[in-house]
Amino acid sequence: MKTMSYQLLVSSVRVAGKIPLRALSTTSPKCQQQEVVNLSQEQKDKYYPKIGNRDIVGSGHSIRPGYEDRSDYPFPALRWKPNTPDVTALREKEMGDWKNLTMEERKGLYRASFCQTFAEINAPTGEWKQVAAATLMIMWLTAAWVWWCEHFVFSKQLPESMTAEYKKKNIERMVKQGQEEMTGISSQYDFENKKWKGNKWW
């Protein structure tokens, strides 16, 4: 029976075997660029018309060829920009020594593969302001609706259940039925003497 640690070890070895050496290297050795994901012709015919002239470089978070910026899974399946002549020229220059790349060219290579940096992904968006404004607006509309009902609906004719006579009859019915005999309304009534204990609590 395989133990949990053995299964984790096997899974780690499988994942490590799929990582390209280029991802583990901090230098830029002169090597041929390899396609990370090998697709069949049928898959290429299915996906490439939708994604345009962009490279599929991984499986992505959803295991589908799509782009999304995620700080918890920063490995999108597609490159951000299509393979324009400028980007292609930069990629060819990238295969050489990176010391020959200017800072602007390095930034251009990054922006060709990714839309946002981690700082841009995690930057505050100010969405809480929209949520707070929507919440306050809903509360204001609710208060306005209650005020309108009190002044233009209930002020003219109260529902029968809100009249004093109805409340009195309802209390008498509850006492006759013996509701809440321990701590509720019936506990305040003296059934032997047919009167309330002390002052009427309601």
N, C-alpha and C. Protein backbone atom coordinates (compact mmCIF):
# COMPACT_ATOMS: atom_id res chain seq x y z
N MET A 1 0.85 -1.20 0.00
CA MET A 1 0.00 0.00 0.00
C MET A 1 0.89 1.24 0.00
N LYS A 2 0.66 2.14 -0.94
CA LYS A 2 1.48 3.32 -1.06
C LYS A 2 1.12 4.34 0.03
N THR A 3 2.14 4.88 0.64
CA THR A 3 1.90 5.89 1.67
C THR A 3 1.70 7.24 1.02
N MET A 4 1.19 8.19 1.85
CA MET A 4 0.92 9.53 1.35
C MET A 4 2.21 10.23 0.91
N SER A 5 3.30 10.04 1.70
CA SER A 5 4.56 10.70 1.36
C SER A 5 5.12 10.16 0.04
N TYR A 6 4.94 8.86 -0.22
CA TYR A 6 5.42 8.29 -1.46
C TYR A 6 4.65 8.85 -2.65
N GLN A 7 3.33 9.00 -2.49
CA GLN A 7 2.51 9.55 -3.56
C GLN A 7 2.89 11.01 -3.85
N LEU A 8 3.18 11.77 -2.78
CA LEU A 8 3.59 13.16 -2.98
C LEU A 8 4.94 13.23 -3.69
N LEU A 9 5.84 12.31 -3.35
CA LEU A 9 7.14 12.29 -3.99
C LEU A 9 7.02 11.98 -5.49
N VAL A 10 6.16 11.02 -5.81
CA VAL A 10 5.96 10.66 -7.21
C VAL A 10 5.35 11.81 -7.98
N SER A 11 4.36 12.49 -7.37
CA SER A 11 3.72 13.63 -8.04
C SER A 11 4.72 14.77 -8.25
N SER A 12 5.59 15.01 -7.26
CA SER A 12 6.58 16.07 -7.39
C SER A 12 7.55 15.79 -8.51
N VAL A 13 7.97 14.53 -8.63
CA VAL A 13 8.90 14.15 -9.71
C VAL A 13 8.25 14.35 -11.07
N ARG A 14 6.96 14.00 -11.18
CA ARG A 14 6.26 14.17 -12.46
C ARG A 14 6.16 15.64 -12.84
N VAL A 15 5.83 16.50 -11.85
CA VAL A 15 5.71 17.93 -12.12
C VAL A 15 7.07 18.51 -12.48
N ALA A 16 8.11 18.10 -11.74
CA ALA A 16 9.44 18.64 -12.01
C ALA A 16 9.92 18.27 -13.40
N GLY A 17 9.52 17.11 -13.89
CA GLY A 17 9.92 16.70 -15.22
C GLY A 17 9.28 17.53 -16.32
N LYS A 18 8.18 18.21 -16.01
CA LYS A 18 7.48 19.01 -17.01
C LYS A 18 7.96 20.46 -17.05
N ILE A 19 8.79 20.86 -16.07
CA ILE A 19 9.27 22.24 -16.02
C ILE A 19 10.42 22.39 -17.01
N PRO A 20 10.34 23.32 -17.94
CA PRO A 20 11.44 23.51 -18.88
C PRO A 20 12.68 24.06 -18.17
N LEU A 21 13.85 23.68 -18.68
CA LEU A 21 15.09 24.13 -18.07
C LEU A 21 15.21 25.65 -18.12
N ARG A 22 14.61 26.25 -19.12
CA ARG A 22 14.68 27.70 -19.27
C ARG A 22 14.07 28.40 -18.06
N ALA A 23 13.02 27.80 -17.46
CA ALA A 23 12.36 28.41 -16.32
C ALA A 23 13.22 28.35 -15.08
N LEU A 24 14.17 27.41 -15.00
CA LEU A 24 15.03 27.27 -13.84
C LEU A 24 16.33 28.03 -13.97
N SER A 25 16.60 28.58 -15.13
CA SER A 25 17.88 29.23 -15.38
C SER A 25 17.75 30.73 -15.16
N THR A 26 18.78 31.33 -14.56
CA THR A 26 18.80 32.78 -14.36
C THR A 26 19.61 33.48 -15.43
N THR A 27 20.32 32.72 -16.24
CA THR A 27 21.10 33.28 -17.34
C THR A 27 20.39 33.01 -18.65
N SER A 28 20.99 33.40 -19.73
CA SER A 28 20.37 33.20 -21.04
C SER A 28 21.30 32.40 -21.94
N PRO A 29 21.42 31.08 -21.73
CA PRO A 29 22.30 30.29 -22.59
C PRO A 29 21.75 30.25 -24.00
N LYS A 30 22.68 30.14 -24.97
CA LYS A 30 22.28 30.08 -26.37
C LYS A 30 21.71 28.70 -26.66
N CYS A 31 20.42 28.65 -26.77
CA CYS A 31 19.77 27.37 -27.05
C CYS A 31 18.57 27.64 -27.94
N GLN A 32 18.08 26.62 -28.55
CA GLN A 32 16.93 26.76 -29.42
C GLN A 32 15.67 26.84 -28.58
N GLN A 33 14.76 27.74 -28.98
CA GLN A 33 13.51 27.88 -28.27
C GLN A 33 12.62 26.68 -28.54
N GLN A 34 12.12 26.07 -27.46
CA GLN A 34 11.30 24.88 -27.58
C GLN A 34 9.86 25.22 -27.22
N GLU A 35 8.94 24.58 -27.88
CA GLU A 35 7.53 24.77 -27.59
C GLU A 35 7.18 24.00 -26.32
N VAL A 36 6.64 24.70 -25.34
CA VAL A 36 6.37 24.08 -24.05
C VAL A 36 5.23 23.08 -24.15
N VAL A 37 4.20 23.46 -24.87
CA VAL A 37 3.02 22.60 -24.99
C VAL A 37 2.96 22.06 -26.41
N ASN A 38 2.96 20.77 -26.54
CA ASN A 38 2.86 20.13 -27.85
C ASN A 38 1.40 19.76 -28.12
N LEU A 39 0.79 20.43 -29.07
CA LEU A 39 -0.60 20.20 -29.40
C LEU A 39 -0.70 19.42 -30.70
N SER A 40 -1.73 18.64 -30.78
CA SER A 40 -2.00 17.95 -32.04
C SER A 40 -2.56 18.95 -33.05
N GLN A 41 -2.59 18.56 -34.29
CA GLN A 41 -3.11 19.45 -35.33
C GLN A 41 -4.58 19.75 -35.10
N GLU A 42 -5.31 18.78 -34.60
CA GLU A 42 -6.73 18.99 -34.31
C GLU A 42 -6.92 20.03 -33.22
N GLN A 43 -6.09 19.98 -32.16
CA GLN A 43 -6.18 20.97 -31.10
C GLN A 43 -5.77 22.36 -31.58
N LYS A 44 -4.74 22.41 -32.44
CA LYS A 44 -4.34 23.70 -32.99
C LYS A 44 -5.45 24.31 -33.83
N ASP A 45 -6.11 23.48 -34.64
CA ASP A 45 -7.21 23.97 -35.46
C ASP A 45 -8.37 24.46 -34.60
N LYS A 46 -8.50 23.90 -33.40
CA LYS A 46 -9.59 24.28 -32.51
C LYS A 46 -9.30 25.57 -31.75
N TYR A 47 -8.07 25.71 -31.24
CA TYR A 47 -7.77 26.81 -30.34
C TYR A 47 -7.17 28.03 -31.02
N TYR A 48 -6.29 27.83 -31.99
CA TYR A 48 -5.58 28.98 -32.55
C TYR A 48 -6.48 29.98 -33.25
N PRO A 49 -7.56 29.58 -33.93
CA PRO A 49 -8.44 30.63 -34.49
C PRO A 49 -9.05 31.53 -33.43
N LYS A 50 -9.13 31.07 -32.18
CA LYS A 50 -9.73 31.86 -31.11
C LYS A 50 -8.70 32.76 -30.42
N ILE A 51 -7.46 32.30 -30.33
CA ILE A 51 -6.46 33.05 -29.57
C ILE A 51 -5.58 33.90 -30.46
N GLY A 52 -5.70 33.77 -31.76
CA GLY A 52 -4.91 34.56 -32.66
C GLY A 52 -3.46 34.09 -32.71
N ASN A 53 -2.58 35.00 -33.08
CA ASN A 53 -1.17 34.67 -33.23
C ASN A 53 -0.44 34.82 -31.90
N ARG A 54 -0.87 34.03 -30.93
CA ARG A 54 -0.24 34.04 -29.62
C ARG A 54 0.23 32.63 -29.28
N ASP A 55 1.35 32.53 -28.56
CA ASP A 55 1.92 31.23 -28.23
C ASP A 55 1.22 30.62 -27.03
N ILE A 56 0.98 29.32 -27.10
CA ILE A 56 0.52 28.56 -25.94
C ILE A 56 1.76 28.06 -25.21
N VAL A 57 1.97 28.53 -23.98
CA VAL A 57 3.20 28.23 -23.25
C VAL A 57 2.97 27.41 -22.00
N GLY A 58 1.76 26.99 -21.72
CA GLY A 58 1.49 26.20 -20.53
C GLY A 58 0.05 25.75 -20.49
N SER A 59 -0.30 25.08 -19.42
CA SER A 59 -1.68 24.59 -19.27
C SER A 59 -2.57 25.64 -18.64
N GLY A 60 -1.98 26.58 -17.88
CA GLY A 60 -2.80 27.61 -17.26
C GLY A 60 -3.55 27.08 -16.05
N HIS A 61 -4.27 27.99 -15.41
CA HIS A 61 -5.01 27.61 -14.20
C HIS A 61 -6.23 26.77 -14.51
N SER A 62 -6.89 27.06 -15.62
CA SER A 62 -8.12 26.36 -15.98
C SER A 62 -7.90 25.23 -16.98
N ILE A 63 -6.64 24.91 -17.27
CA ILE A 63 -6.29 23.85 -18.22
C ILE A 63 -6.90 24.14 -19.59
N ARG A 64 -7.02 25.40 -19.93
CA ARG A 64 -7.53 25.80 -21.23
C ARG A 64 -6.67 26.96 -21.75
N PRO A 65 -6.51 27.08 -23.04
CA PRO A 65 -5.69 28.17 -23.57
C PRO A 65 -6.36 29.52 -23.44
N GLY A 66 -6.16 30.15 -22.30
CA GLY A 66 -6.70 31.48 -22.05
C GLY A 66 -5.74 32.25 -21.17
N TYR A 67 -5.89 33.57 -21.14
CA TYR A 67 -4.99 34.40 -20.35
C TYR A 67 -5.73 34.98 -19.16
N GLU A 68 -5.11 34.93 -17.98
CA GLU A 68 -5.65 35.59 -16.79
C GLU A 68 -4.50 35.88 -15.84
N ASP A 69 -4.55 37.07 -15.22
CA ASP A 69 -3.54 37.47 -14.25
C ASP A 69 -3.99 37.00 -12.87
N ARG A 70 -3.19 36.13 -12.27
CA ARG A 70 -3.50 35.61 -10.94
C ARG A 70 -2.20 35.60 -10.13
N SER A 71 -2.26 36.17 -8.92
CA SER A 71 -1.08 36.15 -8.07
C SER A 71 -0.86 34.79 -7.44
N ASP A 72 -1.94 33.99 -7.30
CA ASP A 72 -1.78 32.66 -6.71
C ASP A 72 -1.35 31.63 -7.74
N TYR A 73 -1.53 31.92 -9.02
CA TYR A 73 -1.10 31.01 -10.09
C TYR A 73 -0.60 31.86 -11.24
N PRO A 74 0.64 32.35 -11.15
CA PRO A 74 1.15 33.31 -12.15
C PRO A 74 1.70 32.65 -13.40
N PHE A 75 1.01 31.65 -13.91
CA PHE A 75 1.48 30.95 -15.10
C PHE A 75 0.34 30.85 -16.11
N PRO A 76 0.03 31.92 -16.82
CA PRO A 76 -1.05 31.84 -17.81
C PRO A 76 -0.69 30.91 -18.96
N ALA A 77 -1.70 30.38 -19.59
CA ALA A 77 -1.47 29.43 -20.68
C ALA A 77 -1.01 30.12 -21.96
N LEU A 78 -1.33 31.40 -22.12
CA LEU A 78 -0.99 32.13 -23.34
C LEU A 78 -0.06 33.29 -23.03
N ARG A 79 0.66 33.71 -24.03
CA ARG A 79 1.36 34.97 -23.93
C ARG A 79 0.36 36.11 -24.11
N TRP A 80 0.67 37.25 -23.51
CA TRP A 80 -0.28 38.35 -23.53
C TRP A 80 -0.40 38.98 -24.91
N LYS A 81 0.72 39.21 -25.58
CA LYS A 81 0.69 39.89 -26.86
C LYS A 81 0.89 38.90 -28.01
N PRO A 82 0.32 39.19 -29.17
CA PRO A 82 0.57 38.33 -30.34
C PRO A 82 2.00 38.49 -30.85
N ASN A 83 2.38 37.60 -31.71
CA ASN A 83 3.74 37.61 -32.25
C ASN A 83 3.85 38.62 -33.39
N THR A 84 3.94 39.88 -33.02
CA THR A 84 4.15 40.93 -34.01
C THR A 84 5.64 40.95 -34.40
N PRO A 85 5.99 41.63 -35.48
CA PRO A 85 7.41 41.69 -35.87
C PRO A 85 8.32 42.24 -34.78
N ASP A 86 7.83 43.24 -34.02
CA ASP A 86 8.65 43.81 -32.94
C ASP A 86 8.89 42.77 -31.84
N VAL A 87 7.82 42.06 -31.45
CA VAL A 87 7.96 41.06 -30.39
C VAL A 87 8.83 39.91 -30.86
N THR A 88 8.66 39.49 -32.10
CA THR A 88 9.49 38.40 -32.63
C THR A 88 10.96 38.78 -32.65
N ALA A 89 11.27 40.03 -33.01
CA ALA A 89 12.65 40.49 -33.01
C ALA A 89 13.23 40.48 -31.59
N LEU A 90 12.42 40.89 -30.62
CA LEU A 90 12.88 40.87 -29.24
C LEU A 90 13.13 39.45 -28.75
N ARG A 91 12.29 38.52 -29.17
CA ARG A 91 12.46 37.13 -28.73
C ARG A 91 13.73 36.52 -29.34
N GLU A 92 14.00 36.89 -30.56
CA GLU A 92 15.25 36.39 -31.17
C GLU A 92 16.47 36.98 -30.46
N LYS A 93 16.37 38.27 -30.09
CA LYS A 93 17.48 38.88 -29.36
C LYS A 93 17.60 38.30 -27.95
N GLU A 94 16.48 37.85 -27.40
CA GLU A 94 16.47 37.27 -26.06
C GLU A 94 17.29 35.98 -26.00
N MET A 95 17.36 35.26 -27.10
CA MET A 95 18.09 34.00 -27.12
C MET A 95 19.60 34.21 -26.98
N GLY A 96 20.06 35.46 -27.17
CA GLY A 96 21.48 35.74 -27.00
C GLY A 96 21.79 36.14 -25.57
N ASP A 97 22.83 36.90 -25.40
CA ASP A 97 23.26 37.34 -24.07
C ASP A 97 22.36 38.47 -23.60
N TRP A 98 21.85 38.34 -22.41
CA TRP A 98 20.93 39.35 -21.88
C TRP A 98 21.64 40.66 -21.55
N LYS A 99 22.95 40.65 -21.49
CA LYS A 99 23.68 41.89 -21.24
C LYS A 99 23.52 42.86 -22.41
N ASN A 100 23.19 42.32 -23.57
CA ASN A 100 22.99 43.16 -24.75
C ASN A 100 21.60 43.76 -24.81
N LEU A 101 20.73 43.35 -23.88
CA LEU A 101 19.36 43.87 -23.85
C LEU A 101 19.31 45.11 -22.98
N THR A 102 18.65 46.14 -23.46
CA THR A 102 18.44 47.33 -22.65
C THR A 102 17.30 47.08 -21.67
N MET A 103 17.17 47.97 -20.70
CA MET A 103 16.08 47.83 -19.72
C MET A 103 14.72 47.92 -20.40
N GLU A 104 14.59 48.79 -21.40
CA GLU A 104 13.32 48.92 -22.11
C GLU A 104 13.00 47.64 -22.88
N GLU A 105 14.01 47.00 -23.44
CA GLU A 105 13.78 45.75 -24.16
C GLU A 105 13.37 44.63 -23.21
N ARG A 106 13.97 44.61 -22.02
CA ARG A 106 13.58 43.61 -21.03
C ARG A 106 12.14 43.82 -20.57
N LYS A 107 11.79 45.07 -20.37
CA LYS A 107 10.41 45.36 -20.00
C LYS A 107 9.45 45.00 -21.13
N GLY A 108 9.90 45.24 -22.36
CA GLY A 108 9.06 44.87 -23.50
C GLY A 108 8.85 43.37 -23.60
N LEU A 109 9.90 42.60 -23.30
CA LEU A 109 9.76 41.14 -23.28
C LEU A 109 8.79 40.69 -22.20
N TYR A 110 8.87 41.34 -21.05
CA TYR A 110 7.94 40.97 -19.96
C TYR A 110 6.51 41.30 -20.35
N ARG A 111 6.31 42.49 -20.91
CA ARG A 111 4.95 42.90 -21.27
C ARG A 111 4.41 42.09 -22.44
N ALA A 112 5.30 41.50 -23.22
CA ALA A 112 4.82 40.64 -24.31
C ALA A 112 4.25 39.34 -23.78
N SER A 113 4.75 38.89 -22.62
CA SER A 113 4.27 37.63 -22.05
C SER A 113 3.21 37.84 -20.98
N PHE A 114 3.28 38.97 -20.24
CA PHE A 114 2.37 39.22 -19.13
C PHE A 114 1.76 40.60 -19.26
N CYS A 115 0.52 40.71 -18.84
CA CYS A 115 -0.17 41.99 -18.92
C CYS A 115 0.18 42.87 -17.73
N GLN A 116 0.22 42.27 -16.51
CA GLN A 116 0.45 43.04 -15.30
C GLN A 116 1.58 42.43 -14.49
N THR A 117 2.20 43.28 -13.67
CA THR A 117 3.19 42.80 -12.72
C THR A 117 2.47 42.41 -11.43
N PHE A 118 3.21 41.80 -10.49
CA PHE A 118 2.60 41.44 -9.21
C PHE A 118 2.12 42.69 -8.47
N ALA A 119 2.90 43.77 -8.56
CA ALA A 119 2.50 45.01 -7.89
C ALA A 119 1.19 45.54 -8.46
N GLU A 120 1.02 45.44 -9.78
CA GLU A 120 -0.21 45.91 -10.41
C GLU A 120 -1.39 45.00 -10.09
N ILE A 121 -1.12 43.69 -10.01
CA ILE A 121 -2.20 42.75 -9.70
C ILE A 121 -2.72 42.97 -8.28
N ASN A 122 -1.79 43.17 -7.34
CA ASN A 122 -2.16 43.29 -5.92
C ASN A 122 -2.45 44.72 -5.50
N ALA A 123 -2.36 45.67 -6.42
CA ALA A 123 -2.62 47.07 -6.08
C ALA A 123 -4.10 47.24 -5.73
N PRO A 124 -4.40 48.12 -4.77
CA PRO A 124 -5.81 48.35 -4.43
C PRO A 124 -6.58 48.93 -5.62
N THR A 125 -7.76 48.43 -5.81
CA THR A 125 -8.58 48.84 -6.96
C THR A 125 -9.61 49.90 -6.60
N GLY A 126 -9.84 50.12 -5.31
CA GLY A 126 -10.87 51.07 -4.91
C GLY A 126 -12.28 50.52 -5.06
N GLU A 127 -12.40 49.20 -5.22
CA GLU A 127 -13.72 48.60 -5.39
C GLU A 127 -14.58 48.77 -4.15
N TRP A 128 -13.92 48.87 -2.96
CA TRP A 128 -14.68 49.01 -1.72
C TRP A 128 -15.53 50.29 -1.74
N LYS A 129 -15.07 51.31 -2.48
CA LYS A 129 -15.85 52.54 -2.56
C LYS A 129 -17.17 52.32 -3.28
N GLN A 130 -17.13 51.53 -4.34
CA GLN A 130 -18.37 51.23 -5.07
C GLN A 130 -19.32 50.40 -4.20
N VAL A 131 -18.75 49.43 -3.46
CA VAL A 131 -19.58 48.61 -2.58
C VAL A 131 -20.20 49.46 -1.48
N ALA A 132 -19.39 50.35 -0.87
CA ALA A 132 -19.91 51.21 0.19
C ALA A 132 -20.99 52.15 -0.35
N ALA A 133 -20.75 52.72 -1.55
CA ALA A 133 -21.74 53.62 -2.13
C ALA A 133 -23.04 52.89 -2.44
N ALA A 134 -22.94 51.67 -2.99
CA ALA A 134 -24.15 50.89 -3.29
C ALA A 134 -24.89 50.53 -2.01
N THR A 135 -24.15 50.17 -0.96
CA THR A 135 -24.79 49.83 0.32
C THR A 135 -25.52 51.02 0.91
N LEU A 136 -24.86 52.19 0.91
CA LEU A 136 -25.51 53.40 1.44
C LEU A 136 -26.72 53.78 0.60
N MET A 137 -26.64 53.61 -0.71
CA MET A 137 -27.77 53.94 -1.57
C MET A 137 -28.96 53.03 -1.27
N ILE A 138 -28.70 51.74 -1.09
CA ILE A 138 -29.78 50.80 -0.77
C ILE A 138 -30.40 51.15 0.58
N MET A 139 -29.56 51.48 1.58
CA MET A 139 -30.09 51.85 2.90
C MET A 139 -30.92 53.12 2.81
N TRP A 140 -30.45 54.10 2.00
CA TRP A 140 -31.22 55.34 1.85
C TRP A 140 -32.56 55.07 1.17
N LEU A 141 -32.57 54.26 0.13
CA LEU A 141 -33.82 53.94 -0.56
C LEU A 141 -34.78 53.21 0.37
N THR A 142 -34.24 52.31 1.20
CA THR A 142 -35.08 51.58 2.15
C THR A 142 -35.70 52.54 3.17
N ALA A 143 -34.89 53.46 3.70
CA ALA A 143 -35.40 54.44 4.67
C ALA A 143 -36.45 55.34 4.02
N ALA A 144 -36.20 55.74 2.77
CA ALA A 144 -37.19 56.58 2.07
C ALA A 144 -38.49 55.83 1.84
N TRP A 145 -38.38 54.53 1.52
CA TRP A 145 -39.59 53.73 1.31
C TRP A 145 -40.38 53.58 2.61
N VAL A 146 -39.70 53.35 3.72
CA VAL A 146 -40.39 53.23 5.02
C VAL A 146 -41.05 54.55 5.39
N TRP A 147 -40.32 55.67 5.19
CA TRP A 147 -40.91 56.98 5.50
C TRP A 147 -42.14 57.24 4.65
N TRP A 148 -42.07 56.91 3.36
CA TRP A 148 -43.21 57.13 2.47
C TRP A 148 -44.42 56.29 2.89
N CYS A 149 -44.15 55.03 3.27
CA CYS A 149 -45.26 54.17 3.70
C CYS A 149 -45.90 54.70 4.98
N GLU A 150 -45.07 55.18 5.92
CA GLU A 150 -45.63 55.67 7.18
C GLU A 150 -46.46 56.94 6.99
N HIS A 151 -46.04 57.79 6.06
CA HIS A 151 -46.70 59.07 5.90
C HIS A 151 -47.83 59.09 4.86
N PHE A 152 -47.82 58.16 3.93
CA PHE A 152 -48.81 58.20 2.86
C PHE A 152 -49.65 56.93 2.74
N VAL A 153 -49.25 55.88 3.44
CA VAL A 153 -50.02 54.63 3.36
C VAL A 153 -50.68 54.32 4.71
N PHE A 154 -49.85 54.12 5.73
CA PHE A 154 -50.37 53.72 7.03
C PHE A 154 -51.01 54.87 7.80
N SER A 155 -50.67 56.11 7.47
CA SER A 155 -51.24 57.25 8.20
C SER A 155 -52.72 57.44 7.88
N LYS A 156 -53.15 57.00 6.71
CA LYS A 156 -54.55 57.19 6.33
C LYS A 156 -55.44 56.12 6.95
N GLN A 157 -54.99 54.87 6.88
CA GLN A 157 -55.79 53.79 7.42
C GLN A 157 -54.85 52.68 7.90
N LEU A 158 -54.79 52.52 9.21
CA LEU A 158 -53.92 51.50 9.77
C LEU A 158 -54.49 50.12 9.52
N PRO A 159 -53.64 49.13 9.32
CA PRO A 159 -54.14 47.75 9.21
C PRO A 159 -54.85 47.34 10.50
N GLU A 160 -55.78 46.43 10.38
CA GLU A 160 -56.57 46.01 11.56
C GLU A 160 -55.67 45.45 12.65
N SER A 161 -54.59 44.79 12.27
CA SER A 161 -53.71 44.18 13.28
C SER A 161 -52.93 45.20 14.09
N MET A 162 -52.95 46.50 13.65
CA MET A 162 -52.21 47.53 14.38
C MET A 162 -53.10 48.38 15.27
N THR A 163 -54.40 48.13 15.30
CA THR A 163 -55.30 48.89 16.16
C THR A 163 -55.24 48.38 17.59
N ALA A 164 -55.57 49.25 18.53
CA ALA A 164 -55.52 48.88 19.95
C ALA A 164 -56.55 47.80 20.28
N GLU A 165 -57.72 47.87 19.64
CA GLU A 165 -58.76 46.87 19.91
C GLU A 165 -58.32 45.48 19.48
N TYR A 166 -57.70 45.41 18.32
CA TYR A 166 -57.24 44.10 17.84
C TYR A 166 -56.15 43.56 18.75
N LYS A 167 -55.24 44.42 19.21
CA LYS A 167 -54.16 43.97 20.10
C LYS A 167 -54.74 43.43 21.41
N LYS A 168 -55.77 44.10 21.92
CA LYS A 168 -56.39 43.65 23.16
C LYS A 168 -57.05 42.29 22.99
N LYS A 169 -57.76 42.11 21.87
CA LYS A 169 -58.40 40.83 21.61
C LYS A 169 -57.36 39.72 21.40
N ASN A 170 -56.27 40.07 20.78
CA ASN A 170 -55.22 39.09 20.55
C ASN A 170 -54.60 38.63 21.87
N ILE A 171 -54.42 39.58 22.81
CA ILE A 171 -53.86 39.22 24.11
C ILE A 171 -54.85 38.33 24.88
N GLU A 172 -56.12 38.65 24.81
CA GLU A 172 -57.13 37.82 25.47
C GLU A 172 -57.14 36.41 24.89
N ARG A 173 -57.00 36.30 23.58
CA ARG A 173 -56.97 34.98 22.95
C ARG A 173 -55.74 34.19 23.39
N MET A 174 -54.61 34.84 23.49
CA MET A 174 -53.38 34.16 23.92
C MET A 174 -53.50 33.66 25.35
N VAL A 175 -54.17 34.46 26.20
CA VAL A 175 -54.34 34.05 27.61
C VAL A 175 -55.31 32.88 27.70
N LYS A 176 -56.38 32.92 26.93
CA LYS A 176 -57.34 31.82 26.94
C LYS A 176 -56.73 30.51 26.46
N GLN A 177 -55.82 30.61 25.51
CA GLN A 177 -55.15 29.42 25.00
C GLN A 177 -54.01 28.96 25.89
N GLY A 178 -53.66 29.77 26.89
CA GLY A 178 -52.58 29.40 27.81
C GLY A 178 -51.20 29.45 27.18
N GLN A 179 -51.00 30.39 26.29
CA GLN A 179 -49.70 30.50 25.63
C GLN A 179 -48.66 31.08 26.59
N GLU A 180 -47.47 30.53 26.53
CA GLU A 180 -46.33 31.02 27.31
C GLU A 180 -46.65 31.10 28.80
N GLU A 181 -47.01 29.96 29.37
CA GLU A 181 -47.40 29.93 30.77
C GLU A 181 -46.23 30.08 31.74
N MET A 182 -45.01 29.76 31.29
CA MET A 182 -43.87 29.79 32.21
C MET A 182 -43.32 31.21 32.37
N THR A 183 -42.98 31.83 31.31
CA THR A 183 -42.34 33.15 31.39
C THR A 183 -43.00 34.19 30.49
N GLY A 184 -44.00 33.80 29.72
CA GLY A 184 -44.59 34.72 28.77
C GLY A 184 -45.84 35.41 29.29
N ILE A 185 -46.77 35.65 28.38
CA ILE A 185 -47.93 36.48 28.71
C ILE A 185 -48.88 35.79 29.69
N SER A 186 -49.07 34.49 29.57
CA SER A 186 -49.99 33.80 30.47
C SER A 186 -49.45 33.73 31.90
N SER A 187 -48.15 33.84 32.06
CA SER A 187 -47.59 33.82 33.42
C SER A 187 -47.91 35.11 34.16
N GLN A 188 -48.31 36.17 33.44
CA GLN A 188 -48.66 37.44 34.07
C GLN A 188 -50.14 37.53 34.45
N TYR A 189 -50.89 36.46 34.18
CA TYR A 189 -52.33 36.48 34.43
C TYR A 189 -52.69 35.52 35.56
N ASP A 190 -53.52 36.00 36.48
CA ASP A 190 -53.99 35.18 37.61
C ASP A 190 -55.30 34.52 37.19
N PHE A 191 -55.23 33.22 36.85
CA PHE A 191 -56.41 32.52 36.34
C PHE A 191 -57.45 32.26 37.44
N GLU A 192 -57.02 32.17 38.68
CA GLU A 192 -57.97 31.91 39.78
C GLU A 192 -58.81 33.14 40.07
N ASN A 193 -58.17 34.31 40.10
CA ASN A 193 -58.90 35.54 40.42
C ASN A 193 -59.37 36.30 39.17
N LYS A 194 -59.04 35.74 38.00
CA LYS A 194 -59.48 36.34 36.73
C LYS A 194 -59.00 37.79 36.58
N LYS A 195 -57.75 38.03 36.87
CA LYS A 195 -57.20 39.37 36.70
C LYS A 195 -55.69 39.28 36.49
N TRP A 196 -55.16 40.41 36.06
CA TRP A 196 -53.72 40.45 35.81
C TRP A 196 -52.95 40.60 37.11
N LYS A 197 -51.76 40.04 37.14
CA LYS A 197 -50.90 40.19 38.31
C LYS A 197 -50.21 41.55 38.25
N GLY A 198 -50.57 42.44 39.16
CA GLY A 198 -49.98 43.77 39.15
C GLY A 198 -50.49 44.58 37.98
N ASN A 199 -49.61 45.42 37.45
CA ASN A 199 -49.99 46.28 36.32
C ASN A 199 -49.97 45.47 35.02
N LYS A 200 -50.75 45.89 34.11
CA LYS A 200 -50.75 45.23 32.80
C LYS A 200 -49.41 45.47 32.14
N TRP A 201 -48.73 44.39 31.83
CA TRP A 201 -47.34 44.51 31.38
C TRP A 201 -47.20 45.03 29.95
N TRP A 202 -48.29 44.95 29.18
CA TRP A 202 -48.18 45.42 27.79
C TRP A 202 -48.48 46.90 27.70
